[in-house]
Amino acid sequence: NNIGSDIIMALDDVVSSVADDKTRFQIATYRTLRWLDRCFAAHRRPHDQNLFPIVQGGLDVSRGGLRDVCLAGFRERDDKAPGYAIGGLAGGESKDDFWKVVDHCCRALP
């Protein structure tokens, strides 16, 4: 709030996209949603600064998967978010996996 940025990113829990730990991805996804609520509650300048949530969920783009869980949580909070970021990428995943996640998220974001 004090820096004066036009766009600020919500705190998120990032796991390397190539990690092989489904439980850790699940923890990170739900933690990101909890932290988003805390960021919105602490945000004191919503008319001056845009707070963007960051979509997490690993490479899971399956129907009802972790990316969908995160995206659904964001849609529930859409009235507070002026924009979104897609996170959890550029961690060594293939370009094919990268673009699958980007496409999936872009189609589902409000």
C-alpha atoms as a PDB file:
ATOM      1  CA  ASN A   1       0.000   0.000   0.000  1.00  0.00           C
ATOM      2  CA  ASN A   2       2.751   2.453   0.847  1.00  0.00           C
ATOM      3  CA  ILE A   3       4.939   1.974  -2.222  1.00  0.00           C
ATOM      4  CA  GLY A   4       2.438   3.656  -4.526  1.00  0.00           C
ATOM      5  CA  SER A   5       2.385   1.057  -7.297  1.00  0.00           C
ATOM      6  CA  ASP A   6      -0.455   1.115  -9.787  1.00  0.00           C
ATOM      7  CA  ILE A   7      -0.603  -2.691  -9.837  1.00  0.00           C
ATOM      8  CA  ILE A   8       0.232  -4.909  -6.881  1.00  0.00           C
ATOM      9  CA  MET A   9       0.195  -8.681  -6.819  1.00  0.00           C
ATOM     10  CA  ALA A  10      -1.441 -10.716  -4.081  1.00  0.00           C
ATOM     11  CA  LEU A  11       0.806 -13.009  -2.099  1.00  0.00           C
ATOM     12  CA  ASP A  12       0.683 -16.544  -3.455  1.00  0.00           C
ATOM     13  CA  ASP A  13       2.262 -19.886  -2.632  1.00  0.00           C
ATOM     14  CA  VAL A  14       4.357 -20.969  -5.614  1.00  0.00           C
ATOM     15  CA  VAL A  15       5.522 -24.522  -6.220  1.00  0.00           C
ATOM     16  CA  SER A  16       7.872 -25.390  -9.067  1.00  0.00           C
ATOM     17  CA  SER A  17       5.692 -26.593 -11.914  1.00  0.00           C
ATOM     18  CA  VAL A  18       7.856 -29.683 -12.337  1.00  0.00           C
ATOM     19  CA  ALA A  19       7.592 -30.763  -8.697  1.00  0.00           C
ATOM     20  CA  ASP A  20       6.126 -34.230  -8.184  1.00  0.00           C
ATOM     21  CA  ASP A  21       4.092 -33.617  -5.036  1.00  0.00           C
ATOM     22  CA  LYS A  22       0.322 -33.409  -5.529  1.00  0.00           C
ATOM     23  CA  THR A  23      -0.267 -32.714  -1.848  1.00  0.00           C
ATOM     24  CA  ARG A  24       2.093 -29.727  -1.959  1.00  0.00           C
ATOM     25  CA  PHE A  25       0.257 -28.313  -5.012  1.00  0.00           C
ATOM     26  CA  GLN A  26      -3.063 -28.722  -3.221  1.00  0.00           C
ATOM     27  CA  ILE A  27      -1.768 -26.972  -0.104  1.00  0.00           C
ATOM     28  CA  ALA A  28      -0.380 -24.124  -2.224  1.00  0.00           C
ATOM     29  CA  THR A  29      -3.620 -23.662  -4.154  1.00  0.00           C
ATOM     30  CA  TYR A  30      -5.815 -23.379  -1.069  1.00  0.00           C
ATOM     31  CA  ARG A  31      -3.213 -21.276   0.755  1.00  0.00           C
ATOM     32  CA  THR A  32      -3.152 -18.858  -2.198  1.00  0.00           C
ATOM     33  CA  LEU A  33      -6.929 -18.414  -1.883  1.00  0.00           C
ATOM     34  CA  ARG A  34      -6.699 -17.822   1.878  1.00  0.00           C
ATOM     35  CA  TRP A  35      -3.879 -15.339   1.399  1.00  0.00           C
ATOM     36  CA  LEU A  36      -5.889 -13.557  -1.285  1.00  0.00           C
ATOM     37  CA  ASP A  37      -8.658 -12.912   1.224  1.00  0.00           C
ATOM     38  CA  ARG A  38      -6.096 -11.531   3.655  1.00  0.00           C
ATOM     39  CA  CYS A  39      -4.603  -9.315   0.924  1.00  0.00           C
ATOM     40  CA  PHE A  40      -8.030  -7.927   0.033  1.00  0.00           C
ATOM     41  CA  ALA A  41      -8.725  -7.260   3.722  1.00  0.00           C
ATOM     42  CA  ALA A  42      -5.406  -5.419   4.125  1.00  0.00           C
ATOM     43  CA  HIS A  43      -5.700  -3.456   0.869  1.00  0.00           C
ATOM     44  CA  ARG A  44      -6.193   0.174   1.835  1.00  0.00           C
ATOM     45  CA  ARG A  45      -6.056   1.902  -1.552  1.00  0.00           C
ATOM     46  CA  PRO A  46      -8.311  -0.021  -3.965  1.00  0.00           C
ATOM     47  CA  HIS A  47      -9.152   3.163  -5.888  1.00  0.00           C
ATOM     48  CA  ASP A  48      -5.473   4.005  -6.418  1.00  0.00           C
ATOM     49  CA  GLN A  49      -3.891   0.556  -6.646  1.00  0.00           C
ATOM     50  CA  ASN A  50      -5.033  -2.543  -8.509  1.00  0.00           C
ATOM     51  CA  LEU A  51      -4.564  -5.768  -6.527  1.00  0.00           C
ATOM     52  CA  PHE A  52      -4.223  -8.747  -8.874  1.00  0.00           C
ATOM     53  CA  PRO A  53      -4.650 -12.350  -7.691  1.00  0.00           C
ATOM     54  CA  ILE A  54      -2.224 -14.916  -9.132  1.00  0.00           C
ATOM     55  CA  VAL A  55      -3.689 -18.216 -10.372  1.00  0.00           C
ATOM     56  CA  GLN A  56      -1.941 -21.285  -8.954  1.00  0.00           C
ATOM     57  CA  GLY A  57      -2.559 -25.021  -9.296  1.00  0.00           C
ATOM     58  CA  GLY A  58       0.472 -26.469 -10.992  1.00  0.00           C
ATOM     59  CA  LEU A  59       0.041 -27.992 -14.428  1.00  0.00           C
ATOM     60  CA  ASP A  60      -3.321 -29.512 -13.478  1.00  0.00           C
ATOM     61  CA  VAL A  61      -5.759 -28.305 -16.131  1.00  0.00           C
ATOM     62  CA  SER A  62      -8.104 -31.264 -15.727  1.00  0.00           C
ATOM     63  CA  ARG A  63     -11.783 -30.537 -15.245  1.00  0.00           C
ATOM     64  CA  GLY A  64     -12.237 -29.786 -11.532  1.00  0.00           C
ATOM     65  CA  GLY A  65      -8.453 -29.864 -11.056  1.00  0.00           C
ATOM     66  CA  LEU A  66      -6.377 -27.493  -8.990  1.00  0.00           C
ATOM     67  CA  ARG A  67      -6.291 -24.709 -11.598  1.00  0.00           C
ATOM     68  CA  ASP A  68     -10.095 -24.903 -11.750  1.00  0.00           C
ATOM     69  CA  VAL A  69     -10.296 -24.754  -7.955  1.00  0.00           C
ATOM     70  CA  CYS A  70      -8.185 -21.603  -7.911  1.00  0.00           C
ATOM     71  CA  LEU A  71     -10.084 -20.031 -10.823  1.00  0.00           C
ATOM     72  CA  ALA A  72     -13.446 -20.764  -9.172  1.00  0.00           C
ATOM     73  CA  GLY A  73     -12.208 -19.076  -6.012  1.00  0.00           C
ATOM     74  CA  PHE A  74     -11.184 -16.045  -8.042  1.00  0.00           C
ATOM     75  CA  ARG A  75     -14.561 -15.853  -9.770  1.00  0.00           C
ATOM     76  CA  GLU A  76     -16.212 -15.788  -6.329  1.00  0.00           C
ATOM     77  CA  ARG A  77     -14.082 -12.735  -5.513  1.00  0.00           C
ATOM     78  CA  ASP A  78     -14.246 -11.093  -8.941  1.00  0.00           C
ATOM     79  CA  ASP A  79     -15.864  -7.902  -7.619  1.00  0.00           C
ATOM     80  CA  LYS A  80     -12.607  -7.152  -5.770  1.00  0.00           C
ATOM     81  CA  ALA A  81     -10.118  -7.991  -8.525  1.00  0.00           C
ATOM     82  CA  PRO A  82      -9.488  -5.566 -11.391  1.00  0.00           C
ATOM     83  CA  GLY A  83      -7.266  -8.091 -13.173  1.00  0.00           C
ATOM     84  CA  TYR A  84      -5.466 -11.391 -12.837  1.00  0.00           C
ATOM     85  CA  ALA A  85      -2.063 -12.989 -13.285  1.00  0.00           C
ATOM     86  CA  ILE A  86      -1.266 -16.578 -14.194  1.00  0.00           C
ATOM     87  CA  GLY A  87       1.403 -17.933 -11.895  1.00  0.00           C
ATOM     88  CA  GLY A  88       3.305 -21.089 -11.202  1.00  0.00           C
ATOM     89  CA  LEU A  89       4.924 -21.247 -14.626  1.00  0.00           C
ATOM     90  CA  ALA A  90       8.438 -20.745 -16.034  1.00  0.00           C
ATOM     91  CA  GLY A  91       9.698 -23.374 -13.628  1.00  0.00           C
ATOM     92  CA  GLY A  92      11.036 -25.837 -16.167  1.00  0.00           C
ATOM     93  CA  GLU A  93       7.792 -27.143 -17.662  1.00  0.00           C
ATOM     94  CA  SER A  94       7.593 -27.851 -21.384  1.00  0.00           C
ATOM     95  CA  LYS A  95       6.340 -25.099 -23.669  1.00  0.00           C
ATOM     96  CA  ASP A  96       3.381 -27.341 -24.506  1.00  0.00           C
ATOM     97  CA  ASP A  97       2.430 -27.595 -20.815  1.00  0.00           C
ATOM     98  CA  PHE A  98       3.020 -23.860 -20.371  1.00  0.00           C
ATOM     99  CA  TRP A  99       0.622 -22.948 -23.175  1.00  0.00           C
ATOM    100  CA  LYS A 100      -1.998 -25.475 -22.028  1.00  0.00           C
ATOM    101  CA  VAL A 101      -2.091 -23.772 -18.631  1.00  0.00           C
ATOM    102  CA  VAL A 102      -2.194 -20.265 -20.116  1.00  0.00           C
ATOM    103  CA  ASP A 103      -4.994 -21.222 -22.518  1.00  0.00           C
ATOM    104  CA  HIS A 104      -6.974 -22.973 -19.787  1.00  0.00           C
ATOM    105  CA  CYS A 105      -6.717 -20.022 -17.411  1.00  0.00           C
ATOM    106  CA  CYS A 106      -7.488 -17.382 -20.037  1.00  0.00           C
ATOM    107  CA  ARG A 107     -10.645 -19.224 -21.068  1.00  0.00           C
ATOM    108  CA  ALA A 108     -11.829 -19.449 -17.458  1.00  0.00           C
ATOM    109  CA  LEU A 109     -10.944 -16.009 -16.103  1.00  0.00           C
ATOM    110  CA  PRO A 110     -13.744 -13.451 -15.873  1.00  0.00           C
END
